[in-house]
Structures are given as C-alpha cells and as structure tokens.
Amino acid sequence: MRNVFFLLSLSALISFTACNKDEEIVNPDPNPSTFSVVVNEVMTKVINNGIIYVDGQGDAADWAEFYNPGTTAVNLAGYYVTDKGESAANEDLWQIPSGHDAVTTIPAGGKLIIIFGAVDGAGVDYDGIVNDTIFCPSGLSTSKDLAVGLYDSGKTFKTASALFNVDGPLGVLPDDKSLGRATDGAATWVIFDTPTPNAAN
C-alpha cells in the first residue's frame, strides 16, 4: 500500500512540475489574456534600406511594424499610436481611423505597417488611410522622439518599442537601420543592418 501511495505521489509531482514548466514558457505578449499585439520593428530614417513607401517629395518615409503573436485577429481601429512611447500625453496620440477593417486588422501571426511623416506632392502630410495604407502625420526622429507606442481606444498604454534616442538600450538608432525585436515578438531588441519590414525578424 505504501508503494502504491508513493507511486501516486510521484505521479502527482511529475504532473505538477509539467504544469509549472508549461507556465514558465515565455510568451511575447506580457498580457496574453487581454492583448497580443506588440511593436515589432521601427525605422526612423530610411535612405536606401527598408524602403516601404516613397512620398510625393521623393523621400522614403519612416515606419513602424506591429506584430500579432496571438491566435485571434486584432483590429487596431480606434487605437492610438505615438512617438513618445509610454510617456505620451493626449496631444501626442494619433488615432488609427475606423471603417477600414481590412486595413487595420492584424490576423493571428500577422503584421501591419504604419507609415510616419509622409507628404504628398504639395508637401501636405498624409493623415489617415490612403490607398489601403495607414499614415500617421508625424515623422520619427531620434533627436525629438522616444519610441513608438500603442494605446487602446481608452488611451491606456498597451505596448511600445525600445527607446531609439540617446537614452535607449542601444543608443541612437543609426540612419538606414532598424530597431527590432531579435525575433518576432521577442523581449530582446537589436539593431538590424538590413531591416525586415513585413518579413521575419
């Protein structure tokens, strides 16, 4: 009888340990039960690498990539983006337009690009959704800005890139390089000599 009890206890211990091990697996989303999207990669000065969009003045625009590591699609319509990371005031927030679900929804395992600071041929900022592309009217600057952040429709902070200015963990992001997670959704940030927009980090 004692041997049976010992085997049952050992089996329970193994099961308990296995559960704990599963719970310790790192999820790239800090709050997987509520939100899964992360800022995945950013570029503050595009010259020859990582070109996503060339504006009406012939300049390659800045961009940020958002990644959804979750198992369900996430619609970012009504959410806010900022170039001030976690430190944004109300006036620093730009709202992603609604009514374009096919453009603003990130499928499970998918990515979405937002263009920052592009202008038309007359030098007027693109602002909103044009030709199925999301345009935030503010550019990204390593001297004036901090990080790309995302806030929900209630203006609650959700996720941000690492700092890309002088206070960032990797210092000022060099021109024509991107700051991204080492792999999609990972906690560690690195500088990519070859940016990877809409591709695996």
Foldseek 3Di string as FASTA:
>chain_A
DVVVVVVVVVVVVVVVVVVVVVVPPDQLFPCQVPAFKEFFKWAQAADPFPADDQAQVRGGFTKTKMWGQHQAKDFQQLKWKFLAAPPDDPVRTAGAHPDCRVLRIAGHGGMHMETEQGAHNVRHFDDYADPSHHYHNHGHDQVPGFWMWMAHNVRHTGYTAFGQHCPGPVGHQDHNWMWGAPWGSHPDIDIGNHDDPRHTD
